[in-house]
Amino acid sequence: LLPVHPGEVETAIIAGMGGMLMCRILHESPDVVQRLCEMVLSPHQDIQ
């Protein structure tokens, strides 16, 4: 999410990658994540 500016979009779609990478992506961009209205996530593993 580093190329995305906070508040620039309402939705983040993250699919087709491992769950731990997905968690890292969300962790790296808290300012962007907290301005989202929704996320659609589809991890390939580590869903817990």
All heavy atoms as atom14 arrays in JSON, in Angstrom:
{
  "sequence": "LLPVHPGEVETAIIAGMGGMLMCRILHESPDVVQRLCEMVLSPHQDIQ",
  "atom14_mask": [
    [1, 1, 1, 1, 1, 1, 1, 1, 0, 0, 0, 0, 0, 0],
    [1, 1, 1, 1, 1, 1, 1, 1, 0, 0, 0, 0, 0, 0],
    [1, 1, 1, 1, 1, 1, 1, 0, 0, 0, 0, 0, 0, 0],
    [1, 1, 1, 1, 1, 1, 1, 0, 0, 0, 0, 0, 0, 0],
    [1, 1, 1, 1, 1, 1, 1, 1, 1, 1, 0, 0, 0, 0],
    [1, 1, 1, 1, 1, 1, 1, 0, 0, 0, 0, 0, 0, 0],
    [1, 1, 1, 1, 0, 0, 0, 0, 0, 0, 0, 0, 0, 0],
    [1, 1, 1, 1, 1, 1, 1, 1, 1, 0, 0, 0, 0, 0],
    [1, 1, 1, 1, 1, 1, 1, 0, 0, 0, 0, 0, 0, 0],
    [1, 1, 1, 1, 1, 1, 1, 1, 1, 0, 0, 0, 0, 0],
    [1, 1, 1, 1, 1, 1, 1, 0, 0, 0, 0, 0, 0, 0],
    [1, 1, 1, 1, 1, 0, 0, 0, 0, 0, 0, 0, 0, 0],
    [1, 1, 1, 1, 1, 1, 1, 1, 0, 0, 0, 0, 0, 0],
    [1, 1, 1, 1, 1, 1, 1, 1, 0, 0, 0, 0, 0, 0],
    [1, 1, 1, 1, 1, 0, 0, 0, 0, 0, 0, 0, 0, 0],
    [1, 1, 1, 1, 0, 0, 0, 0, 0, 0, 0, 0, 0, 0],
    [1, 1, 1, 1, 1, 1, 1, 1, 0, 0, 0, 0, 0, 0],
    [1, 1, 1, 1, 0, 0, 0, 0, 0, 0, 0, 0, 0, 0],
    [1, 1, 1, 1, 0, 0, 0, 0, 0, 0, 0, 0, 0, 0],
    [1, 1, 1, 1, 1, 1, 1, 1, 0, 0, 0, 0, 0, 0],
    [1, 1, 1, 1, 1, 1, 1, 1, 0, 0, 0, 0, 0, 0],
    [1, 1, 1, 1, 1, 1, 1, 1, 0, 0, 0, 0, 0, 0],
    [1, 1, 1, 1, 1, 1, 0, 0, 0, 0, 0, 0, 0, 0],
    [1, 1, 1, 1, 1, 1, 1, 1, 1, 1, 1, 0, 0, 0],
    [1, 1, 1, 1, 1, 1, 1, 1, 0, 0, 0, 0, 0, 0],
    [1, 1, 1, 1, 1, 1, 1, 1, 0, 0, 0, 0, 0, 0],
    [1, 1, 1, 1, 1, 1, 1, 1, 1, 1, 0, 0, 0, 0],
    [1, 1, 1, 1, 1, 1, 1, 1, 1, 0, 0, 0, 0, 0],
    [1, 1, 1, 1, 1, 1, 0, 0, 0, 0, 0, 0, 0, 0],
    [1, 1, 1, 1, 1, 1, 1, 0, 0, 0, 0, 0, 0, 0],
    [1, 1, 1, 1, 1, 1, 1, 1, 0, 0, 0, 0, 0, 0],
    [1, 1, 1, 1, 1, 1, 1, 0, 0, 0, 0, 0, 0, 0],
    [1, 1, 1, 1, 1, 1, 1, 0, 0, 0, 0, 0, 0, 0],
    [1, 1, 1, 1, 1, 1, 1, 1, 1, 0, 0, 0, 0, 0],
    [1, 1, 1, 1, 1, 1, 1, 1, 1, 1, 1, 0, 0, 0],
    [1, 1, 1, 1, 1, 1, 1, 1, 0, 0, 0, 0, 0, 0],
    [1, 1, 1, 1, 1, 1, 0, 0, 0, 0, 0, 0, 0, 0],
    [1, 1, 1, 1, 1, 1, 1, 1, 1, 0, 0, 0, 0, 0],
    [1, 1, 1, 1, 1, 1, 1, 1, 0, 0, 0, 0, 0, 0],
    [1, 1, 1, 1, 1, 1, 1, 0, 0, 0, 0, 0, 0, 0],
    [1, 1, 1, 1, 1, 1, 1, 1, 0, 0, 0, 0, 0, 0],
    [1, 1, 1, 1, 1, 1, 0, 0, 0, 0, 0, 0, 0, 0],
    [1, 1, 1, 1, 1, 1, 1, 0, 0, 0, 0, 0, 0, 0],
    [1, 1, 1, 1, 1, 1, 1, 1, 1, 1, 0, 0, 0, 0],
    [1, 1, 1, 1, 1, 1, 1, 1, 1, 0, 0, 0, 0, 0],
    [1, 1, 1, 1, 1, 1, 1, 1, 0, 0, 0, 0, 0, 0],
    [1, 1, 1, 1, 1, 1, 1, 1, 0, 0, 0, 0, 0, 0],
    [1, 1, 1, 1, 1, 1, 1, 1, 1, 0, 0, 0, 0, 0]
  ],
  "atom14_positions": [
    [[0.81, -1.22, 0.0], [0.0, 0.0, 0.0], [0.84, 1.27, 0.0], [0.29, 2.37, 0.06], [-0.92, 0.0, 1.23], [-2.11, -0.95, 1.18], [-2.66, -1.19, 2.59], [-3.21, -0.4, 0.28], [0.0, 0.0, 0.0], [0.0, 0.0, 0.0], [0.0, 0.0, 0.0], [0.0, 0.0, 0.0], [0.0, 0.0, 0.0], [0.0, 0.0, 0.0]],
    [[2.17, 1.12, -0.08], [3.04, 2.29, -0.02], [2.79, 3.3, -1.15], [2.95, 4.51, -0.94], [4.51, 1.86, -0.01], [4.95, 1.06, 1.23], [6.42, 0.65, 1.12], [4.72, 1.86, 2.51], [0.0, 0.0, 0.0], [0.0, 0.0, 0.0], [0.0, 0.0, 0.0], [0.0, 0.0, 0.0], [0.0, 0.0, 0.0], [0.0, 0.0, 0.0]],
    [[2.39, 2.85, -2.37], [2.11, 3.85, -3.42], [0.79, 4.6, -3.23], [0.5, 5.53, -4.0], [2.04, 2.99, -4.7], [2.64, 1.68, -4.36], [2.35, 1.48, -2.91], [0.0, 0.0, 0.0], [0.0, 0.0, 0.0], [0.0, 0.0, 0.0], [0.0, 0.0, 0.0], [0.0, 0.0, 0.0], [0.0, 0.0, 0.0], [0.0, 0.0, 0.0]],
    [[-0.01, 4.21, -2.24], [-1.34, 4.8, -2.04], [-1.26, 5.86, -0.94], [-0.66, 5.64, 0.11], [-2.37, 3.71, -1.64], [-3.76, 4.32, -1.49], [-2.38, 2.58, -2.66], [0.0, 0.0, 0.0], [0.0, 0.0, 0.0], [0.0, 0.0, 0.0], [0.0, 0.0, 0.0], [0.0, 0.0, 0.0], [0.0, 0.0, 0.0], [0.0, 0.0, 0.0]],
    [[-1.89, 7.01, -1.19], [-1.92, 8.09, -0.2], [-3.12, 7.9, 0.74], [-4.18, 7.43, 0.31], [-2.01, 9.45, -0.88], [-0.92, 9.7, -1.88], [0.42, 9.65, -1.55], [-0.97, 10.0, -3.21], [1.14, 9.9, -2.62], [0.33, 10.12, -3.64], [0.0, 0.0, 0.0], [0.0, 0.0, 0.0], [0.0, 0.0, 0.0], [0.0, 0.0, 0.0]],
    [[-2.99, 8.25, 2.01], [-4.12, 8.13, 2.95], [-5.34, 8.89, 2.46], [-5.25, 10.05, 2.06], [-3.57, 8.75, 4.24], [-2.09, 8.56, 4.16], [-1.76, 8.72, 2.7], [0.0, 0.0, 0.0], [0.0, 0.0, 0.0], [0.0, 0.0, 0.0], [0.0, 0.0, 0.0], [0.0, 0.0, 0.0], [0.0, 0.0, 0.0], [0.0, 0.0, 0.0]],
    [[-6.49, 8.22, 2.44], [-7.73, 8.83, 2.02], [-7.94, 8.89, 0.53], [-8.97, 9.38, 0.06], [0.0, 0.0, 0.0], [0.0, 0.0, 0.0], [0.0, 0.0, 0.0], [0.0, 0.0, 0.0], [0.0, 0.0, 0.0], [0.0, 0.0, 0.0], [0.0, 0.0, 0.0], [0.0, 0.0, 0.0], [0.0, 0.0, 0.0], [0.0, 0.0, 0.0]],
    [[-6.99, 8.36, -0.24], [-7.08, 8.45, -1.69], [-8.14, 7.51, -2.26], [-8.77, 7.81, -3.27], [-5.71, 8.14, -2.31], [-5.59, 8.48, -3.77], [-4.16, 8.36, -4.28], [-3.33, 7.69, -3.62], [-3.87, 8.94, -5.34], [0.0, 0.0, 0.0], [0.0, 0.0, 0.0], [0.0, 0.0, 0.0], [0.0, 0.0, 0.0], [0.0, 0.0, 0.0]],
    [[-8.3, 6.35, -1.63], [-9.32, 5.39, -2.08], [-10.09, 4.89, -0.86], [-9.63, 4.98, 0.28], [-8.69, 4.18, -2.83], [-8.03, 4.64, -4.12], [-7.7, 3.44, -1.95], [0.0, 0.0, 0.0], [0.0, 0.0, 0.0], [0.0, 0.0, 0.0], [0.0, 0.0, 0.0], [0.0, 0.0, 0.0], [0.0, 0.0, 0.0], [0.0, 0.0, 0.0]],
    [[-11.25, 4.32, -1.13], [-12.09, 3.79, -0.05], [-11.83, 2.3, 0.21], [-12.07, 1.83, 1.32], [-13.57, 3.98, -0.41], [-13.98, 5.42, -0.66], [-15.24, 5.51, -1.49], [-15.18, 5.25, -2.7], [-16.3, 5.81, -0.89], [0.0, 0.0, 0.0], [0.0, 0.0, 0.0], [0.0, 0.0, 0.0], [0.0, 0.0, 0.0], [0.0, 0.0, 0.0]],
    [[-11.37, 1.6, -0.83], [-11.26, 0.15, -0.76], [-9.86, -0.31, -1.11], [-9.25, 0.2, -2.06], [-12.24, -0.52, -1.76], [-13.55, -0.03, -1.53], [-12.22, -2.03, -1.62], [0.0, 0.0, 0.0], [0.0, 0.0, 0.0], [0.0, 0.0, 0.0], [0.0, 0.0, 0.0], [0.0, 0.0, 0.0], [0.0, 0.0, 0.0], [0.0, 0.0, 0.0]],
    [[-9.36, -1.28, -0.35], [-8.13, -1.96, -0.72], [-8.46, -3.42, -1.03], [-9.11, -4.1, -0.23], [-7.1, -1.89, 0.41], [0.0, 0.0, 0.0], [0.0, 0.0, 0.0], [0.0, 0.0, 0.0], [0.0, 0.0, 0.0], [0.0, 0.0, 0.0], [0.0, 0.0, 0.0], [0.0, 0.0, 0.0], [0.0, 0.0, 0.0], [0.0, 0.0, 0.0]],
    [[-8.01, -3.88, -2.19], [-8.15, -5.28, -2.58], [-6.76, -5.9, -2.53], [-5.84, -5.41, -3.2], [-8.73, -5.42, -4.0], [-10.1, -4.74, -4.11], [-8.82, -6.89, -4.4], [-10.61, -4.64, -5.54], [0.0, 0.0, 0.0], [0.0, 0.0, 0.0], [0.0, 0.0, 0.0], [0.0, 0.0, 0.0], [0.0, 0.0, 0.0], [0.0, 0.0, 0.0]],
    [[-6.6, -6.94, -1.73], [-5.32, -7.64, -1.66], [-5.62, -9.12, -1.79], [-6.22, -9.72, -0.89], [-4.56, -7.35, -0.35], [-4.54, -5.85, -0.04], [-3.14, -7.88, -0.45], [-3.86, -5.51, 1.27], [0.0, 0.0, 0.0], [0.0, 0.0, 0.0], [0.0, 0.0, 0.0], [0.0, 0.0, 0.0], [0.0, 0.0, 0.0], [0.0, 0.0, 0.0]],
    [[-5.24, -9.71, -2.9], [-5.55, -11.12, -3.16], [-4.38, -11.77, -3.88], [-3.54, -11.11, -4.48], [-6.82, -11.23, -4.02], [0.0, 0.0, 0.0], [0.0, 0.0, 0.0], [0.0, 0.0, 0.0], [0.0, 0.0, 0.0], [0.0, 0.0, 0.0], [0.0, 0.0, 0.0], [0.0, 0.0, 0.0], [0.0, 0.0, 0.0], [0.0, 0.0, 0.0]],
    [[-4.34, -13.1, -3.78], [-3.35, -13.85, -4.54], [-1.96, -13.85, -3.96], [-0.98, -13.96, -4.69], [0.0, 0.0, 0.0], [0.0, 0.0, 0.0], [0.0, 0.0, 0.0], [0.0, 0.0, 0.0], [0.0, 0.0, 0.0], [0.0, 0.0, 0.0], [0.0, 0.0, 0.0], [0.0, 0.0, 0.0], [0.0, 0.0, 0.0], [0.0, 0.0, 0.0]],
    [[-1.87, -13.71, -2.62], [-0.54, -13.75, -1.98], [-0.68, -14.41, -0.61], [-1.78, -14.66, -0.13], [0.03, -12.34, -1.85], [-0.73, -11.42, -0.95], [-0.05, -9.73, -0.87], [-0.38, -9.12, -2.53], [0.0, 0.0, 0.0], [0.0, 0.0, 0.0], [0.0, 0.0, 0.0], [0.0, 0.0, 0.0], [0.0, 0.0, 0.0], [0.0, 0.0, 0.0]],
    [[0.43, -14.69, 0.01], [0.43, -15.34, 1.31], [-0.1, -14.44, 2.41], [-0.03, -13.21, 2.33], [0.0, 0.0, 0.0], [0.0, 0.0, 0.0], [0.0, 0.0, 0.0], [0.0, 0.0, 0.0], [0.0, 0.0, 0.0], [0.0, 0.0, 0.0], [0.0, 0.0, 0.0], [0.0, 0.0, 0.0], [0.0, 0.0, 0.0], [0.0, 0.0, 0.0]],
    [[-0.63, -15.06, 3.44], [-1.23, -14.31, 4.53], [-0.24, -13.48, 5.33], [-0.55, -12.36, 5.75], [0.0, 0.0, 0.0], [0.0, 0.0, 0.0], [0.0, 0.0, 0.0], [0.0, 0.0, 0.0], [0.0, 0.0, 0.0], [0.0, 0.0, 0.0], [0.0, 0.0, 0.0], [0.0, 0.0, 0.0], [0.0, 0.0, 0.0], [0.0, 0.0, 0.0]],
    [[0.97, -13.99, 5.54], [1.95, -13.25, 6.31], [2.42, -12.0, 5.56], [2.64, -10.95, 6.16], [3.15, -14.14, 6.66], [2.8, -15.35, 7.51], [1.79, -14.94, 8.96], [2.93, -13.92, 9.9], [0.0, 0.0, 0.0], [0.0, 0.0, 0.0], [0.0, 0.0, 0.0], [0.0, 0.0, 0.0], [0.0, 0.0, 0.0], [0.0, 0.0, 0.0]],
    [[2.55, -12.12, 4.24], [2.88, -10.95, 3.42], [1.76, -9.93, 3.5], [1.99, -8.71, 3.6], [3.13, -11.37, 1.98], [3.36, -10.25, 0.96], [4.52, -9.35, 1.37], [3.6, -10.83, -0.44], [0.0, 0.0, 0.0], [0.0, 0.0, 0.0], [0.0, 0.0, 0.0], [0.0, 0.0, 0.0], [0.0, 0.0, 0.0], [0.0, 0.0, 0.0]],
    [[0.53, -10.41, 3.47], [-0.63, -9.53, 3.56], [-0.63, -8.76, 4.89], [-0.88, -7.54, 4.92], [-1.91, -10.37, 3.44], [-3.15, -9.61, 3.11], [-4.52, -10.74, 2.71], [-4.01, -11.35, 1.1], [0.0, 0.0, 0.0], [0.0, 0.0, 0.0], [0.0, 0.0, 0.0], [0.0, 0.0, 0.0], [0.0, 0.0, 0.0], [0.0, 0.0, 0.0]],
    [[-0.32, -9.45, 5.97], [-0.25, -8.8, 7.28], [0.85, -7.74, 7.29], [0.67, -6.65, 7.86], [0.02, -9.84, 8.37], [-1.36, -10.96, 8.69], [0.0, 0.0, 0.0], [0.0, 0.0, 0.0], [0.0, 0.0, 0.0], [0.0, 0.0, 0.0], [0.0, 0.0, 0.0], [0.0, 0.0, 0.0], [0.0, 0.0, 0.0], [0.0, 0.0, 0.0]],
    [[1.97, -8.05, 6.66], [3.07, -7.09, 6.61], [2.68, -5.84, 5.83], [2.99, -4.71, 6.22], [4.31, -7.73, 5.97], [5.59, -6.92, 6.16], [6.71, -7.46, 5.31], [6.6, -6.97, 3.94], [7.27, -7.47, 2.91], [8.08, -8.49, 3.08], [7.13, -6.96, 1.69], [0.0, 0.0, 0.0], [0.0, 0.0, 0.0], [0.0, 0.0, 0.0]],
    [[1.98, -6.03, 4.73], [1.52, -4.9, 3.91], [0.6, -3.98, 4.73], [0.74, -2.75, 4.7], [0.79, -5.41, 2.65], [1.81, -5.98, 1.66], [-0.05, -4.31, 2.0], [1.19, -6.7, 0.48], [0.0, 0.0, 0.0], [0.0, 0.0, 0.0], [0.0, 0.0, 0.0], [0.0, 0.0, 0.0], [0.0, 0.0, 0.0], [0.0, 0.0, 0.0]],
    [[-0.32, -4.57, 5.47], [-1.24, -3.78, 6.3], [-0.48, -3.08, 7.43], [-0.78, -1.93, 7.76], [-2.34, -4.67, 6.86], [-3.27, -5.33, 5.83], [-4.25, -6.27, 6.52], [-4.01, -4.29, 5.01], [0.0, 0.0, 0.0], [0.0, 0.0, 0.0], [0.0, 0.0, 0.0], [0.0, 0.0, 0.0], [0.0, 0.0, 0.0], [0.0, 0.0, 0.0]],
    [[0.5, -3.77, 7.98], [1.29, -3.21, 9.09], [2.15, -2.02, 8.62], [2.35, -1.07, 9.38], [2.18, -4.3, 9.68], [3.08, -3.82, 10.78], [2.61, -3.51, 12.05], [4.43, -3.56, 10.8], [3.62, -3.1, 12.79], [4.73, -3.12, 12.08], [0.0, 0.0, 0.0], [0.0, 0.0, 0.0], [0.0, 0.0, 0.0], [0.0, 0.0, 0.0]],
    [[2.63, -2.09, 7.38], [3.54, -1.06, 6.87], [2.84, 0.26, 6.54], [3.5, 1.29, 6.43], [4.25, -1.57, 5.61], [5.33, -2.61, 5.88], [5.95, -3.14, 4.6], [5.36, -2.95, 3.51], [7.02, -3.75, 4.69], [0.0, 0.0, 0.0], [0.0, 0.0, 0.0], [0.0, 0.0, 0.0], [0.0, 0.0, 0.0], [0.0, 0.0, 0.0]],
    [[1.52, 0.23, 6.37], [0.8, 1.44, 5.93], [-0.4, 1.73, 6.82], [-1.55, 1.79, 6.34], [0.36, 1.28, 4.47], [1.46, 1.08, 3.62], [0.0, 0.0, 0.0], [0.0, 0.0, 0.0], [0.0, 0.0, 0.0], [0.0, 0.0, 0.0], [0.0, 0.0, 0.0], [0.0, 0.0, 0.0], [0.0, 0.0, 0.0], [0.0, 0.0, 0.0]],
    [[-0.19, 1.94, 8.12], [-1.33, 2.16, 9.02], [-2.15, 3.4, 8.68], [-3.37, 3.41, 8.86], [-0.67, 2.28, 10.4], [0.75, 2.7, 10.12], [1.1, 2.02, 8.83], [0.0, 0.0, 0.0], [0.0, 0.0, 0.0], [0.0, 0.0, 0.0], [0.0, 0.0, 0.0], [0.0, 0.0, 0.0], [0.0, 0.0, 0.0], [0.0, 0.0, 0.0]],
    [[-1.49, 4.46, 8.2], [-2.23, 5.69, 7.87], [-3.2, 5.47, 6.72], [-4.3, 6.05, 6.7], [-1.25, 6.81, 7.51], [-0.4, 7.25, 8.69], [-0.79, 6.93, 9.83], [0.63, 7.9, 8.47], [0.0, 0.0, 0.0], [0.0, 0.0, 0.0], [0.0, 0.0, 0.0], [0.0, 0.0, 0.0], [0.0, 0.0, 0.0], [0.0, 0.0, 0.0]],
    [[-2.79, 4.64, 5.76], [-3.67, 4.33, 4.63], [-4.8, 3.42, 5.09], [-5.98, 3.65, 4.79], [-2.88, 3.65, 3.49], [-3.83, 3.21, 2.37], [-1.83, 4.6, 2.94], [0.0, 0.0, 0.0], [0.0, 0.0, 0.0], [0.0, 0.0, 0.0], [0.0, 0.0, 0.0], [0.0, 0.0, 0.0], [0.0, 0.0, 0.0], [0.0, 0.0, 0.0]],
    [[-4.46, 2.37, 5.85], [-5.44, 1.38, 6.29], [-6.55, 2.03, 7.13], [-7.74, 1.74, 6.94], [-4.76, 0.25, 7.09], [-5.79, -0.67, 7.74], [-3.84, -0.55, 6.18], [0.0, 0.0, 0.0], [0.0, 0.0, 0.0], [0.0, 0.0, 0.0], [0.0, 0.0, 0.0], [0.0, 0.0, 0.0], [0.0, 0.0, 0.0], [0.0, 0.0, 0.0]],
    [[-6.17, 2.92, 8.04], [-7.16, 3.52, 8.94], [-8.12, 4.47, 8.24], [-9.18, 4.81, 8.79], [-6.45, 4.25, 10.09], [-5.7, 3.33, 11.03], [-6.56, 2.2, 11.58], [-7.7, 2.43, 12.01], [-6.06, 0.97, 11.55], [0.0, 0.0, 0.0], [0.0, 0.0, 0.0], [0.0, 0.0, 0.0], [0.0, 0.0, 0.0], [0.0, 0.0, 0.0]],
    [[-7.8, 4.87, 7.01], [-8.71, 5.75, 6.24], [-9.59, 4.95, 5.27], [-10.42, 5.54, 4.57], [-7.88, 6.78, 5.46], [-7.1, 7.76, 6.32], [-7.98, 8.84, 6.92], [-8.6, 9.66, 5.89], [-8.01, 10.71, 5.29], [-6.77, 11.05, 5.65], [-8.65, 11.41, 4.38], [0.0, 0.0, 0.0], [0.0, 0.0, 0.0], [0.0, 0.0, 0.0]],
    [[-9.42, 3.63, 5.24], [-10.21, 2.8, 4.33], [-11.62, 2.56, 4.88], [-11.81, 2.47, 6.09], [-9.53, 1.44, 4.11], [-8.19, 1.45, 3.38], [-7.55, 0.07, 3.43], [-8.36, 1.9, 1.93], [0.0, 0.0, 0.0], [0.0, 0.0, 0.0], [0.0, 0.0, 0.0], [0.0, 0.0, 0.0], [0.0, 0.0, 0.0], [0.0, 0.0, 0.0]],
    [[-12.57, 2.42, 3.97], [-13.94, 2.05, 4.34], [-14.14, 0.54, 4.32], [-15.04, 0.02, 4.97], [-14.94, 2.71, 3.4], [-14.92, 4.5, 3.43], [0.0, 0.0, 0.0], [0.0, 0.0, 0.0], [0.0, 0.0, 0.0], [0.0, 0.0, 0.0], [0.0, 0.0, 0.0], [0.0, 0.0, 0.0], [0.0, 0.0, 0.0], [0.0, 0.0, 0.0]],
    [[-13.31, -0.14, 3.54], [-13.42, -1.6, 3.45], [-12.13, -2.18, 2.89], [-11.35, -1.48, 2.21], [-14.6, -2.01, 2.56], [-14.45, -1.56, 1.11], [-15.57, -2.03, 0.19], [-16.46, -2.77, 0.64], [-15.54, -1.65, -1.01], [0.0, 0.0, 0.0], [0.0, 0.0, 0.0], [0.0, 0.0, 0.0], [0.0, 0.0, 0.0], [0.0, 0.0, 0.0]],
    [[-11.92, -3.47, 3.18], [-10.83, -4.24, 2.58], [-11.4, -5.57, 2.1], [-12.24, -6.17, 2.77], [-9.71, -4.5, 3.59], [-9.04, -3.26, 4.14], [-7.59, -3.67, 5.19], [-8.37, -4.52, 6.56], [0.0, 0.0, 0.0], [0.0, 0.0, 0.0], [0.0, 0.0, 0.0], [0.0, 0.0, 0.0], [0.0, 0.0, 0.0], [0.0, 0.0, 0.0]],
    [[-10.93, -6.0, 0.94], [-11.29, -7.32, 0.42], [-9.99, -8.11, 0.33], [-9.11, -7.76, -0.46], [-11.99, -7.25, -0.95], [-12.34, -8.66, -1.44], [-13.25, -6.38, -0.86], [0.0, 0.0, 0.0], [0.0, 0.0, 0.0], [0.0, 0.0, 0.0], [0.0, 0.0, 0.0], [0.0, 0.0, 0.0], [0.0, 0.0, 0.0], [0.0, 0.0, 0.0]],
    [[-9.87, -9.14, 1.15], [-8.63, -9.88, 1.29], [-8.83, -11.35, 0.95], [-9.81, -11.95, 1.39], [-8.1, -9.76, 2.73], [-8.03, -8.36, 3.34], [-7.57, -8.44, 4.79], [-7.1, -7.46, 2.53], [0.0, 0.0, 0.0], [0.0, 0.0, 0.0], [0.0, 0.0, 0.0], [0.0, 0.0, 0.0], [0.0, 0.0, 0.0], [0.0, 0.0, 0.0]],
    [[-7.9, -11.9, 0.2], [-7.97, -13.33, -0.12], [-6.58, -13.94, -0.02], [-5.86, -14.08, -1.02], [-8.55, -13.54, -1.52], [-8.7, -14.92, -1.8], [0.0, 0.0, 0.0], [0.0, 0.0, 0.0], [0.0, 0.0, 0.0], [0.0, 0.0, 0.0], [0.0, 0.0, 0.0], [0.0, 0.0, 0.0], [0.0, 0.0, 0.0], [0.0, 0.0, 0.0]],
    [[-6.18, -14.31, 1.2], [-4.85, -14.9, 1.39], [-4.82, -16.36, 0.93], [-5.8, -17.09, 1.1], [-4.64, -14.81, 2.9], [-6.02, -14.81, 3.48], [-6.9, -14.13, 2.47], [0.0, 0.0, 0.0], [0.0, 0.0, 0.0], [0.0, 0.0, 0.0], [0.0, 0.0, 0.0], [0.0, 0.0, 0.0], [0.0, 0.0, 0.0], [0.0, 0.0, 0.0]],
    [[-3.69, -16.78, 0.38], [-3.54, -18.16, -0.08], [-3.25, -19.12, 1.06], [-3.53, -20.31, 0.96], [-2.44, -18.25, -1.13], [-2.9, -17.87, -2.5], [-2.07, -17.84, -3.6], [-4.12, -17.49, -2.96], [-2.77, -17.48, -4.66], [-4.0, -17.24, -4.29], [0.0, 0.0, 0.0], [0.0, 0.0, 0.0], [0.0, 0.0, 0.0], [0.0, 0.0, 0.0]],
    [[-2.64, -18.61, 2.14], [-2.4, -19.43, 3.32], [-2.29, -18.52, 4.54], [-2.38, -17.31, 4.41], [-1.15, -20.31, 3.18], [0.16, -19.57, 3.04], [0.56, -19.33, 1.61], [0.07, -20.0, 0.71], [1.45, -18.38, 1.39], [0.0, 0.0, 0.0], [0.0, 0.0, 0.0], [0.0, 0.0, 0.0], [0.0, 0.0, 0.0], [0.0, 0.0, 0.0]],
    [[-2.11, -19.12, 5.71], [-2.01, -18.37, 6.96], [-3.22, -17.47, 7.2], [-3.1, -16.34, 7.68], [-0.72, -17.51, 6.98], [0.53, -18.37, 6.9], [0.59, -19.39, 7.6], [1.44, -18.01, 6.13], [0.0, 0.0, 0.0], [0.0, 0.0, 0.0], [0.0, 0.0, 0.0], [0.0, 0.0, 0.0], [0.0, 0.0, 0.0], [0.0, 0.0, 0.0]],
    [[-4.4, -18.0, 6.88], [-5.61, -17.19, 7.01], [-5.93, -16.88, 8.46], [-6.49, -15.82, 8.77], [-6.8, -17.88, 6.31], [-8.0, -16.92, 6.22], [-7.18, -19.19, 7.0], [-9.09, -17.38, 5.31], [0.0, 0.0, 0.0], [0.0, 0.0, 0.0], [0.0, 0.0, 0.0], [0.0, 0.0, 0.0], [0.0, 0.0, 0.0], [0.0, 0.0, 0.0]],
    [[-5.55, -17.75, 9.38], [-5.79, -17.47, 10.8], [-5.02, -16.24, 11.24], [-5.54, -15.39, 11.97], [-5.38, -18.67, 11.65], [-6.23, -19.91, 11.42], [-5.87, -21.03, 12.38], [-5.62, -20.8, 13.55], [-5.85, -22.25, 11.88], [0.0, 0.0, 0.0], [0.0, 0.0, 0.0], [0.0, 0.0, 0.0], [0.0, 0.0, 0.0], [0.0, 0.0, 0.0]]
  ]
}
